[in-house]
C-alpha atoms as a PDB file:
ATOM      1  CA  UNK A   1      81.458 101.078  79.779  1.00  0.00           C
ATOM      2  CA  UNK A   2      84.831  99.465  80.453  1.00  0.00           C
ATOM      3  CA  UNK A   3      83.497  97.436  83.086  1.00  0.00           C
ATOM      4  CA  UNK A   4      81.521  95.106  80.365  1.00  0.00           C
ATOM      5  CA  UNK A   5      84.044  94.970  77.862  1.00  0.00           C
ATOM      6  CA  UNK A   6      85.670  91.419  78.337  1.00  0.00           C
ATOM      7  CA  UNK A   7      89.372  91.495  78.135  1.00  0.00           C
ATOM      8  CA  UNK A   8      89.307  95.516  78.010  1.00  0.00           C
ATOM      9  CA  UNK A   9      91.957  95.673  80.556  1.00  0.00           C
ATOM     10  CA  UNK A  10      94.127  92.816  78.574  1.00  0.00           C
ATOM     11  CA  UNK A  11      95.235  94.500  75.868  1.00  0.00           C
ATOM     12  CA  UNK A  12      99.012  95.371  75.431  1.00  0.00           C
ATOM     13  CA  UNK A  13     100.838  98.130  74.014  1.00  0.00           C
ATOM     14  CA  UNK A  14     103.449  97.095  71.179  1.00  0.00           C
ATOM     15  CA  UNK A  15     107.215  97.060  70.750  1.00  0.00           C
ATOM     16  CA  UNK A  16     108.167  95.889  74.160  1.00  0.00           C
ATOM     17  CA  UNK A  17     111.644  95.280  73.005  1.00  0.00           C
ATOM     18  CA  UNK A  18     111.997  99.059  72.293  1.00  0.00           C
ATOM     19  CA  UNK A  19     110.617 100.312  75.692  1.00  0.00           C
ATOM     20  CA  UNK A  20     112.587 101.277  78.590  1.00  0.00           C
ATOM     21  CA  UNK A  21     111.818 101.179  82.467  1.00  0.00           C
ATOM     22  CA  UNK A  22     113.408 102.647  85.620  1.00  0.00           C
ATOM     23  CA  UNK A  23     112.841 101.133  88.697  1.00  0.00           C
ATOM     24  CA  UNK A  24     113.876 102.320  92.347  1.00  0.00           C
ATOM     25  CA  UNK A  25     114.122 100.168  95.424  1.00  0.00           C
ATOM     26  CA  UNK A  26     115.379  97.063  93.300  1.00  0.00           C
ATOM     27  CA  UNK A  27     117.432  95.625  96.338  1.00  0.00           C
ATOM     28  CA  UNK A  28     114.792  93.486  97.405  1.00  0.00           C
ATOM     29  CA  UNK A  29     111.072  92.704  97.287  1.00  0.00           C
ATOM     30  CA  UNK A  30     108.929  93.849  94.945  1.00  0.00           C
ATOM     31  CA  UNK A  31     111.377  96.097  92.954  1.00  0.00           C
ATOM     32  CA  UNK A  32     113.833  92.808  92.834  1.00  0.00           C
ATOM     33  CA  UNK A  33     110.923  90.540  91.570  1.00  0.00           C
ATOM     34  CA  UNK A  34     109.522  93.344  88.945  1.00  0.00           C
ATOM     35  CA  UNK A  35     112.855  93.815  87.456  1.00  0.00           C
ATOM     36  CA  UNK A  36     113.441  90.200  86.931  1.00  0.00           C
ATOM     37  CA  UNK A  37     109.676  89.714  85.612  1.00  0.00           C
ATOM     38  CA  UNK A  38     110.379  92.657  82.956  1.00  0.00           C
ATOM     39  CA  UNK A  39     113.443  91.458  82.170  1.00  0.00           C
ATOM     40  CA  UNK A  40     112.388  88.059  81.252  1.00  0.00           C
ATOM     41  CA  UNK A  41     109.176  89.861  79.263  1.00  0.00           C
ATOM     42  CA  UNK A  42     111.610  91.446  76.909  1.00  0.00           C
ATOM     43  CA  UNK A  43     111.974  94.839  78.216  1.00  0.00           C
ATOM     44  CA  UNK A  44     114.956  97.077  78.984  1.00  0.00           C
ATOM     45  CA  UNK A  45     115.222  97.610  82.410  1.00  0.00           C
ATOM     46  CA  UNK A  46     117.308 100.097  84.548  1.00  0.00           C
ATOM     47  CA  UNK A  47     117.072  98.826  88.000  1.00  0.00           C
ATOM     48  CA  UNK A  48     118.006 101.550  90.976  1.00  0.00           C
ATOM     49  CA  UNK A  49     119.607  99.685  94.261  1.00  0.00           C
ATOM     50  CA  UNK A  50     120.701 101.349  97.307  1.00  0.00           C
ATOM     51  CA  UNK A  51     123.528  99.078  97.748  1.00  0.00           C
ATOM     52  CA  UNK A  52     126.125  97.490  95.925  1.00  0.00           C
ATOM     53  CA  UNK A  53     125.216  94.002  97.147  1.00  0.00           C
ATOM     54  CA  UNK A  54     121.741  94.523  95.771  1.00  0.00           C
ATOM     55  CA  UNK A  55     122.892  95.651  92.685  1.00  0.00           C
ATOM     56  CA  UNK A  56     125.215  92.594  92.322  1.00  0.00           C
ATOM     57  CA  UNK A  57     122.363  90.059  93.310  1.00  0.00           C
ATOM     58  CA  UNK A  58     120.057  91.500  90.604  1.00  0.00           C
ATOM     59  CA  UNK A  59     122.512  91.479  87.914  1.00  0.00           C
ATOM     60  CA  UNK A  60     123.618  87.989  88.605  1.00  0.00           C
ATOM     61  CA  UNK A  61     119.947  86.959  88.427  1.00  0.00           C
ATOM     62  CA  UNK A  62     119.021  88.763  85.371  1.00  0.00           C
ATOM     63  CA  UNK A  63     120.075  88.854  81.546  1.00  0.00           C
ATOM     64  CA  UNK A  64     122.930  91.163  80.082  1.00  0.00           C
ATOM     65  CA  UNK A  65     119.845  93.396  78.998  1.00  0.00           C
ATOM     66  CA  UNK A  66     119.217  94.504  82.637  1.00  0.00           C
ATOM     67  CA  UNK A  67     121.325  97.473  83.884  1.00  0.00           C
ATOM     68  CA  UNK A  68     121.914  98.349  87.733  1.00  0.00           C
ATOM     69  CA  UNK A  69     122.813 101.693  89.125  1.00  0.00           C
ATOM     70  CA  UNK A  70     123.235 102.910  92.615  1.00  0.00           C
ATOM     71  CA  UNK A  71     120.224 105.525  93.942  1.00  0.00           C
ATOM     72  CA  UNK A  72     119.742 107.071  97.019  1.00  0.00           C
ATOM     73  CA  UNK A  73     116.004 108.812  96.759  1.00  0.00           C
ATOM     74  CA  UNK A  74     116.840 111.239  99.478  1.00  0.00           C
ATOM     75  CA  UNK A  75     119.738 112.584  97.669  1.00  0.00           C
ATOM     76  CA  UNK A  76     119.258 115.235  94.873  1.00  0.00           C
ATOM     77  CA  UNK A  77     122.702 114.831  93.558  1.00  0.00           C
ATOM     78  CA  UNK A  78     122.121 110.838  93.248  1.00  0.00           C
ATOM     79  CA  UNK A  79     118.851 111.381  91.357  1.00  0.00           C
ATOM     80  CA  UNK A  80     120.282 113.321  88.915  1.00  0.00           C
ATOM     81  CA  UNK A  81     123.178 110.992  88.217  1.00  0.00           C
ATOM     82  CA  UNK A  82     120.383 108.378  87.716  1.00  0.00           C
ATOM     83  CA  UNK A  83     118.582 110.534  85.061  1.00  0.00           C
ATOM     84  CA  UNK A  84     121.868 111.254  83.200  1.00  0.00           C
ATOM     85  CA  UNK A  85     122.757 107.591  82.966  1.00  0.00           C
ATOM     86  CA  UNK A  86     118.912 106.595  81.878  1.00  0.00           C
ATOM     87  CA  UNK A  87     118.852 109.541  79.536  1.00  0.00           C
ATOM     88  CA  UNK A  88     121.995 108.329  77.841  1.00  0.00           C
ATOM     89  CA  UNK A  89     120.279 104.530  77.774  1.00  0.00           C
ATOM     90  CA  UNK A  90     117.027 105.678  76.215  1.00  0.00           C
ATOM     91  CA  UNK A  91     118.033 108.317  74.018  1.00  0.00           C
ATOM     92  CA  UNK A  92     115.589 110.253  72.009  1.00  0.00           C
ATOM     93  CA  UNK A  93     112.725 107.212  72.450  1.00  0.00           C
ATOM     94  CA  UNK A  94     112.397 108.544  76.340  1.00  0.00           C
ATOM     95  CA  UNK A  95     111.381 106.388  79.091  1.00  0.00           C
ATOM     96  CA  UNK A  96     108.603 104.539  79.146  1.00  0.00           C
ATOM     97  CA  UNK A  97     108.006 103.524  82.700  1.00  0.00           C
ATOM     98  CA  UNK A  98     108.856 104.847  86.002  1.00  0.00           C
ATOM     99  CA  UNK A  99     108.097 102.667  89.105  1.00  0.00           C
ATOM    100  CA  UNK A 100     108.598 104.716  92.343  1.00  0.00           C
ATOM    101  CA  UNK A 101     109.019 101.524  94.434  1.00  0.00           C
ATOM    102  CA  UNK A 102     111.792 102.456  97.143  1.00  0.00           C
ATOM    103  CA  UNK A 103     110.306 102.667 100.603  1.00  0.00           C
ATOM    104  CA  UNK A 104     110.801 102.128 104.424  1.00  0.00           C
ATOM    105  CA  UNK A 105     108.382 101.343 107.117  1.00  0.00           C
ATOM    106  CA  UNK A 106     110.514 102.648 110.605  1.00  0.00           C
ATOM    107  CA  UNK A 107     109.785 104.327 112.707  1.00  0.00           C
ATOM    108  CA  UNK A 108     106.733 103.546 113.276  1.00  0.00           C
ATOM    109  CA  UNK A 109     104.446 103.155 116.399  1.00  0.00           C
ATOM    110  CA  UNK A 110     102.122 105.269 118.525  1.00  0.00           C
ATOM    111  CA  UNK A 111     102.061 108.928 117.630  1.00  0.00           C
ATOM    112  CA  UNK A 112     103.468 110.302 120.970  1.00  0.00           C
ATOM    113  CA  UNK A 113     106.555 107.874 121.201  1.00  0.00           C
ATOM    114  CA  UNK A 114     107.840 109.794 118.008  1.00  0.00           C
ATOM    115  CA  UNK A 115     110.082 112.714 117.452  1.00  0.00           C
ATOM    116  CA  UNK A 116     109.918 115.226 114.393  1.00  0.00           C
ATOM    117  CA  UNK A 117     113.114 113.521 112.944  1.00  0.00           C
ATOM    118  CA  UNK A 118     111.127 109.958 113.427  1.00  0.00           C
ATOM    119  CA  UNK A 119     108.742 111.303 111.006  1.00  0.00           C
ATOM    120  CA  UNK A 120     111.134 112.771 108.377  1.00  0.00           C
ATOM    121  CA  UNK A 121     113.219 109.612 107.986  1.00  0.00           C
ATOM    122  CA  UNK A 122     110.158 107.825 106.510  1.00  0.00           C
ATOM    123  CA  UNK A 123     108.606 110.791 104.514  1.00  0.00           C
ATOM    124  CA  UNK A 124     112.308 111.718 103.111  1.00  0.00           C
ATOM    125  CA  UNK A 125     111.933 108.091 101.266  1.00  0.00           C
ATOM    126  CA  UNK A 126     108.399 107.361 100.640  1.00  0.00           C
ATOM    127  CA  UNK A 127     107.076 110.713  99.774  1.00  0.00           C
ATOM    128  CA  UNK A 128     109.633 113.583  99.071  1.00  0.00           C
ATOM    129  CA  UNK A 129     111.870 110.765  97.361  1.00  0.00           C
ATOM    130  CA  UNK A 130     108.858 109.686  94.990  1.00  0.00           C
ATOM    131  CA  UNK A 131     108.383 113.340  94.273  1.00  0.00           C
ATOM    132  CA  UNK A 132     111.510 114.453  93.343  1.00  0.00           C
ATOM    133  CA  UNK A 133     112.270 111.325  91.108  1.00  0.00           C
ATOM    134  CA  UNK A 134     109.127 111.659  89.366  1.00  0.00           C
ATOM    135  CA  UNK A 135     110.230 115.440  88.495  1.00  0.00           C
ATOM    136  CA  UNK A 136     113.450 114.913  87.600  1.00  0.00           C
ATOM    137  CA  UNK A 137     112.379 112.145  85.243  1.00  0.00           C
ATOM    138  CA  UNK A 138     109.348 113.809  83.628  1.00  0.00           C
ATOM    139  CA  UNK A 139     111.239 115.162  80.479  1.00  0.00           C
ATOM    140  CA  UNK A 140     112.156 111.681  79.586  1.00  0.00           C
ATOM    141  CA  UNK A 141     108.949 110.041  80.071  1.00  0.00           C
ATOM    142  CA  UNK A 142     107.067 113.022  78.382  1.00  0.00           C
ATOM    143  CA  UNK A 143     109.348 112.004  75.099  1.00  0.00           C
ATOM    144  CA  UNK A 144     107.782 108.751  75.445  1.00  0.00           C
ATOM    145  CA  UNK A 145     104.666 109.252  76.285  1.00  0.00           C
ATOM    146  CA  UNK A 146     105.082 106.548  78.961  1.00  0.00           C
ATOM    147  CA  UNK A 147     103.886 105.471  82.392  1.00  0.00           C
ATOM    148  CA  UNK A 148     104.136 106.358  86.156  1.00  0.00           C
ATOM    149  CA  UNK A 149     103.474 103.917  88.743  1.00  0.00           C
ATOM    150  CA  UNK A 150     103.531 104.739  92.180  1.00  0.00           C
ATOM    151  CA  UNK A 151     103.304 102.137  95.129  1.00  0.00           C
ATOM    152  CA  UNK A 152     101.369 103.508  98.021  1.00  0.00           C
ATOM    153  CA  UNK A 153      99.382 101.051 100.594  1.00  0.00           C
ATOM    154  CA  UNK A 154      96.172  99.998 101.661  1.00  0.00           C
ATOM    155  CA  UNK A 155      97.442 102.077 104.784  1.00  0.00           C
ATOM    156  CA  UNK A 156      97.501 105.268 102.226  1.00  0.00           C
ATOM    157  CA  UNK A 157      93.655 104.778 102.669  1.00  0.00           C
ATOM    158  CA  UNK A 158      93.570 103.875 106.404  1.00  0.00           C
ATOM    159  CA  UNK A 159      95.757 104.921 109.154  1.00  0.00           C
ATOM    160  CA  UNK A 160      96.635 101.925 111.131  1.00  0.00           C
ATOM    161  CA  UNK A 161      99.491 103.274 113.078  1.00  0.00           C
ATOM    162  CA  UNK A 162     101.297 106.298 113.942  1.00  0.00           C
ATOM    163  CA  UNK A 163     104.767 107.515 112.345  1.00  0.00           C
ATOM    164  CA  UNK A 164     105.532 108.298 108.770  1.00  0.00           C
ATOM    165  CA  UNK A 165     104.346 105.588 107.193  1.00  0.00           C
ATOM    166  CA  UNK A 166     100.839 106.160 106.811  1.00  0.00           C
ATOM    167  CA  UNK A 167     101.245 110.187 106.656  1.00  0.00           C
ATOM    168  CA  UNK A 168     103.649 109.319 103.447  1.00  0.00           C
ATOM    169  CA  UNK A 169     101.114 106.732 101.503  1.00  0.00           C
ATOM    170  CA  UNK A 170      98.336 109.137 102.034  1.00  0.00           C
ATOM    171  CA  UNK A 171     100.796 111.774 100.418  1.00  0.00           C
ATOM    172  CA  UNK A 172     101.692 109.334  97.513  1.00  0.00           C
ATOM    173  CA  UNK A 173      97.854 108.831  96.772  1.00  0.00           C
ATOM    174  CA  UNK A 174      97.284 112.736  96.608  1.00  0.00           C
ATOM    175  CA  UNK A 175     100.561 113.193  94.328  1.00  0.00           C
ATOM    176  CA  UNK A 176      99.558 110.507  91.888  1.00  0.00           C
ATOM    177  CA  UNK A 177      96.170 112.066  91.817  1.00  0.00           C
ATOM    178  CA  UNK A 178      97.075 115.198  90.897  1.00  0.00           C
ATOM    179  CA  UNK A 179      99.927 114.117  88.641  1.00  0.00           C
ATOM    180  CA  UNK A 180      97.752 112.333  86.603  1.00  0.00           C
ATOM    181  CA  UNK A 181      95.552 114.774  85.929  1.00  0.00           C
ATOM    182  CA  UNK A 182      98.218 117.174  85.195  1.00  0.00           C
ATOM    183  CA  UNK A 183     100.203 114.725  82.830  1.00  0.00           C
ATOM    184  CA  UNK A 184      96.758 113.870  80.611  1.00  0.00           C
ATOM    185  CA  UNK A 185      97.422 116.271  77.929  1.00  0.00           C
ATOM    186  CA  UNK A 186     100.684 114.708  77.602  1.00  0.00           C
ATOM    187  CA  UNK A 187      99.531 111.221  77.338  1.00  0.00           C
ATOM    188  CA  UNK A 188     101.297 110.136  80.482  1.00  0.00           C
ATOM    189  CA  UNK A 189      99.262 107.699  82.560  1.00  0.00           C
ATOM    190  CA  UNK A 190      99.781 107.672  86.165  1.00  0.00           C
ATOM    191  CA  UNK A 191      98.699 104.323  88.272  1.00  0.00           C
ATOM    192  CA  UNK A 192      98.853 103.589  92.161  1.00  0.00           C
ATOM    193  CA  UNK A 193      99.611 100.464  93.560  1.00  0.00           C
ATOM    194  CA  UNK A 194      97.606  99.819  96.834  1.00  0.00           C
ATOM    195  CA  UNK A 195      99.197  96.406  98.263  1.00  0.00           C
ATOM    196  CA  UNK A 196      97.821  94.873 101.685  1.00  0.00           C
ATOM    197  CA  UNK A 197     100.509  93.074 103.823  1.00  0.00           C
ATOM    198  CA  UNK A 198     103.357  91.174 102.110  1.00  0.00           C
ATOM    199  CA  UNK A 199     106.373  89.470 103.269  1.00  0.00           C
ATOM    200  CA  UNK A 200     109.112  92.173 102.380  1.00  0.00           C
ATOM    201  CA  UNK A 201     111.905  94.554 104.037  1.00  0.00           C
ATOM    202  CA  UNK A 202     109.398  96.946 104.990  1.00  0.00           C
ATOM    203  CA  UNK A 203     107.161  94.409 107.023  1.00  0.00           C
ATOM    204  CA  UNK A 204     110.153  92.703 108.582  1.00  0.00           C
ATOM    205  CA  UNK A 205     108.776  92.194 112.216  1.00  0.00           C
ATOM    206  CA  UNK A 206     112.212  92.067 113.935  1.00  0.00           C
ATOM    207  CA  UNK A 207     113.105  95.388 112.511  1.00  0.00           C
ATOM    208  CA  UNK A 208     109.788  96.971 113.484  1.00  0.00           C
ATOM    209  CA  UNK A 209     109.777  95.570 117.037  1.00  0.00           C
ATOM    210  CA  UNK A 210     113.384  96.110 117.517  1.00  0.00           C
ATOM    211  CA  UNK A 211     112.701 100.243 116.793  1.00  0.00           C
ATOM    212  CA  UNK A 212     109.243  99.971 119.058  1.00  0.00           C
ATOM    213  CA  UNK A 213     111.558  98.802 121.794  1.00  0.00           C
ATOM    214  CA  UNK A 214     113.857 101.798 120.865  1.00  0.00           C
ATOM    215  CA  UNK A 215     110.958 104.330 120.839  1.00  0.00           C
ATOM    216  CA  UNK A 216     109.850 102.568 124.315  1.00  0.00           C
ATOM    217  CA  UNK A 217     113.027 102.801 126.023  1.00  0.00           C
ATOM    218  CA  UNK A 218     113.634 106.556 125.470  1.00  0.00           C
ATOM    219  CA  UNK A 219     110.506 107.894 126.914  1.00  0.00           C
ATOM    220  CA  UNK A 220     110.389 109.539 130.059  1.00  0.00           C
ATOM    221  CA  UNK A 221     109.227 107.222 133.133  1.00  0.00           C
ATOM    222  CA  UNK A 222     106.043 109.498 133.235  1.00  0.00           C
ATOM    223  CA  UNK A 223     105.114 108.804 129.613  1.00  0.00           C
ATOM    224  CA  UNK A 224     105.527 104.978 130.028  1.00  0.00           C
ATOM    225  CA  UNK A 225     103.580 105.067 133.125  1.00  0.00           C
ATOM    226  CA  UNK A 226     100.528 106.620 131.370  1.00  0.00           C
ATOM    227  CA  UNK A 227     100.374 104.045 128.925  1.00  0.00           C
ATOM    228  CA  UNK A 228     100.881 101.338 131.358  1.00  0.00           C
ATOM    229  CA  UNK A 229     103.262  98.114 131.981  1.00  0.00           C
ATOM    230  CA  UNK A 230     101.385  96.084 129.195  1.00  0.00           C
ATOM    231  CA  UNK A 231     101.180  98.323 126.607  1.00  0.00           C
ATOM    232  CA  UNK A 232     104.399  97.593 125.191  1.00  0.00           C
ATOM    233  CA  UNK A 233     103.799  94.118 124.835  1.00  0.00           C
ATOM    234  CA  UNK A 234     100.525  94.915 123.498  1.00  0.00           C
ATOM    235  CA  UNK A 235     102.016  96.809 120.608  1.00  0.00           C
ATOM    236  CA  UNK A 236     104.325  93.980 119.789  1.00  0.00           C
ATOM    237  CA  UNK A 237     101.863  91.529 119.734  1.00  0.00           C
ATOM    238  CA  UNK A 238      99.499  93.608 117.184  1.00  0.00           C
ATOM    239  CA  UNK A 239     102.526  93.793 114.745  1.00  0.00           C
ATOM    240  CA  UNK A 240     103.010  90.171 115.315  1.00  0.00           C
ATOM    241  CA  UNK A 241      99.206  89.510 114.419  1.00  0.00           C
ATOM    242  CA  UNK A 242      99.474  91.303 110.940  1.00  0.00           C
ATOM    243  CA  UNK A 243      99.355  88.202 108.553  1.00  0.00           C
ATOM    244  CA  UNK A 244     101.791  89.095 105.450  1.00  0.00           C
ATOM    245  CA  UNK A 245     101.359  87.210 102.368  1.00  0.00           C
ATOM    246  CA  UNK A 246     104.711  85.577 100.878  1.00  0.00           C
ATOM    247  CA  UNK A 247     103.297  85.757  97.331  1.00  0.00           C
ATOM    248  CA  UNK A 248     104.691  89.087  96.180  1.00  0.00           C
ATOM    249  CA  UNK A 249     104.033  88.363  92.625  1.00  0.00           C
ATOM    250  CA  UNK A 250     100.332  89.620  93.306  1.00  0.00           C
ATOM    251  CA  UNK A 251     102.102  92.876  93.598  1.00  0.00           C
ATOM    252  CA  UNK A 252     104.403  92.888  90.585  1.00  0.00           C
ATOM    253  CA  UNK A 253     101.737  91.549  88.471  1.00  0.00           C
ATOM    254  CA  UNK A 254      99.928  94.451  89.187  1.00  0.00           C
ATOM    255  CA  UNK A 255     102.834  96.757  88.243  1.00  0.00           C
ATOM    256  CA  UNK A 256     103.520  94.924  84.999  1.00  0.00           C
ATOM    257  CA  UNK A 257      99.890  95.564  84.144  1.00  0.00           C
ATOM    258  CA  UNK A 258     100.169  98.955  84.683  1.00  0.00           C
ATOM    259  CA  UNK A 259     103.128  99.161  82.767  1.00  0.00           C
ATOM    260  CA  UNK A 260     102.190  97.048  79.514  1.00  0.00           C
ATOM    261  CA  UNK A 261      98.465  97.294  79.510  1.00  0.00           C
ATOM    262  CA  UNK A 262      97.051  99.620  76.704  1.00  0.00           C
ATOM    263  CA  UNK A 263      94.545 100.737  79.168  1.00  0.00           C
ATOM    264  CA  UNK A 264      96.126 100.381  82.619  1.00  0.00           C
ATOM    265  CA  UNK A 265      93.852 100.845  85.904  1.00  0.00           C
ATOM    266  CA  UNK A 266      94.111 104.114  87.616  1.00  0.00           C
ATOM    267  CA  UNK A 267      94.378 101.809  91.093  1.00  0.00           C
ATOM    268  CA  UNK A 268      95.518  98.608  91.675  1.00  0.00           C
ATOM    269  CA  UNK A 269      94.383  96.419  94.913  1.00  0.00           C
ATOM    270  CA  UNK A 270      97.253  93.745  95.288  1.00  0.00           C
ATOM    271  CA  UNK A 271      96.277  90.936  98.337  1.00  0.00           C
ATOM    272  CA  UNK A 272      93.215  89.433  99.498  1.00  0.00           C
ATOM    273  CA  UNK A 273      93.237  91.500 102.455  1.00  0.00           C
ATOM    274  CA  UNK A 274      93.388  94.553 100.664  1.00  0.00           C
ATOM    275  CA  UNK A 275      90.455  93.642  98.306  1.00  0.00           C
ATOM    276  CA  UNK A 276      88.434  91.985 100.913  1.00  0.00           C
ATOM    277  CA  UNK A 277      89.152  93.609 104.154  1.00  0.00           C
ATOM    278  CA  UNK A 278      91.210  96.873 104.146  1.00  0.00           C
ATOM    279  CA  UNK A 279      89.870  98.966 101.039  1.00  0.00           C
ATOM    280  CA  UNK A 280      86.094  98.468 101.753  1.00  0.00           C
ATOM    281  CA  UNK A 281      86.932  99.135 105.265  1.00  0.00           C
ATOM    282  CA  UNK A 282      88.177 102.622 104.225  1.00  0.00           C
ATOM    283  CA  UNK A 283      84.900 103.429 102.547  1.00  0.00           C
ATOM    284  CA  UNK A 284      82.843 102.900 106.084  1.00  0.00           C
ATOM    285  CA  UNK A 285      82.186 105.275 108.654  1.00  0.00           C
ATOM    286  CA  UNK A 286      85.118 106.241 110.828  1.00  0.00           C
ATOM    287  CA  UNK A 287      83.507 104.766 113.996  1.00  0.00           C
ATOM    288  CA  UNK A 288      83.268 101.742 112.196  1.00  0.00           C
ATOM    289  CA  UNK A 289      87.020 101.316 111.211  1.00  0.00           C
ATOM    290  CA  UNK A 290      87.934 102.443 114.904  1.00  0.00           C
ATOM    291  CA  UNK A 291      85.945  99.868 116.371  1.00  0.00           C
ATOM    292  CA  UNK A 292      87.427  97.050 113.939  1.00  0.00           C
ATOM    293  CA  UNK A 293      91.039  98.383 115.185  1.00  0.00           C
ATOM    294  CA  UNK A 294      89.990  97.952 118.605  1.00  0.00           C
ATOM    295  CA  UNK A 295      88.676  94.749 117.945  1.00  0.00           C
ATOM    296  CA  UNK A 296      91.571  93.688 116.269  1.00  0.00           C
ATOM    297  CA  UNK A 297      94.206  95.138 118.742  1.00  0.00           C
ATOM    298  CA  UNK A 298      92.254  92.978 121.687  1.00  0.00           C
ATOM    299  CA  UNK A 299      91.993  89.790 119.952  1.00  0.00           C
ATOM    300  CA  UNK A 300      95.871  89.902 119.519  1.00  0.00           C
ATOM    301  CA  UNK A 301      96.692  90.578 123.348  1.00  0.00           C
ATOM    302  CA  UNK A 302      97.523  87.210 125.019  1.00  0.00           C
END
């Protein structure tokens, strides 16, 4: 059994200097750090950024071996251009690793506060973008019998709030599971990263709170009255109470292992909160998790 073999998961694949990895969402956070981390290990990294500033910052922080390109994962033409660029870079060797890291969290909040476009803004990036990027890059991955690493979340196991974020991460889990089974005959391995709460652009409280206020402000008065005067403040207090770890290397080390280990894991939980609280809670009956969520919400009220 794998569980009892010391060092089983530590064996590395050979030939790092010949392998190429493509990472989305490298402007900041996990993607930015992973690109630098893999670049430092000698892999050929193609880092996709949404903005020119993000690309310039990463280029300045990495070696000349690292390449950047601009990518909007909600734009099919943009994805096609990225595939063409990467294809020229990797040649007949193919693409060893694809890391679907790009994501967004807002709009996020109570379900009744949302409109359909609030859901689609998040789903288009976090789920449909992941699917389309993967589909367009699969021919290059099959050439190299490579790896796909998809960033989900502990909120892909527990729906802590409304909006598209939890929906998208549950979708990433399901897509990754089906992809893993479908690609097994071709030698492609698929891993899912399930981070807890970390300090990144996705968890920036100022952005989340500003968007919550936007959602609250546009509600009809009768809907506001149904929630009560203190509900909005309580929602803000809840978001402020989520403890986010500043050590995002806990996540990028999982990503690196999924790309470089000879025997990568199917799922990686990153962060003490994921390992000790959120993921264990996801296995308990719904009535238990519901109780903990209510308890958490009340404990954060002033």
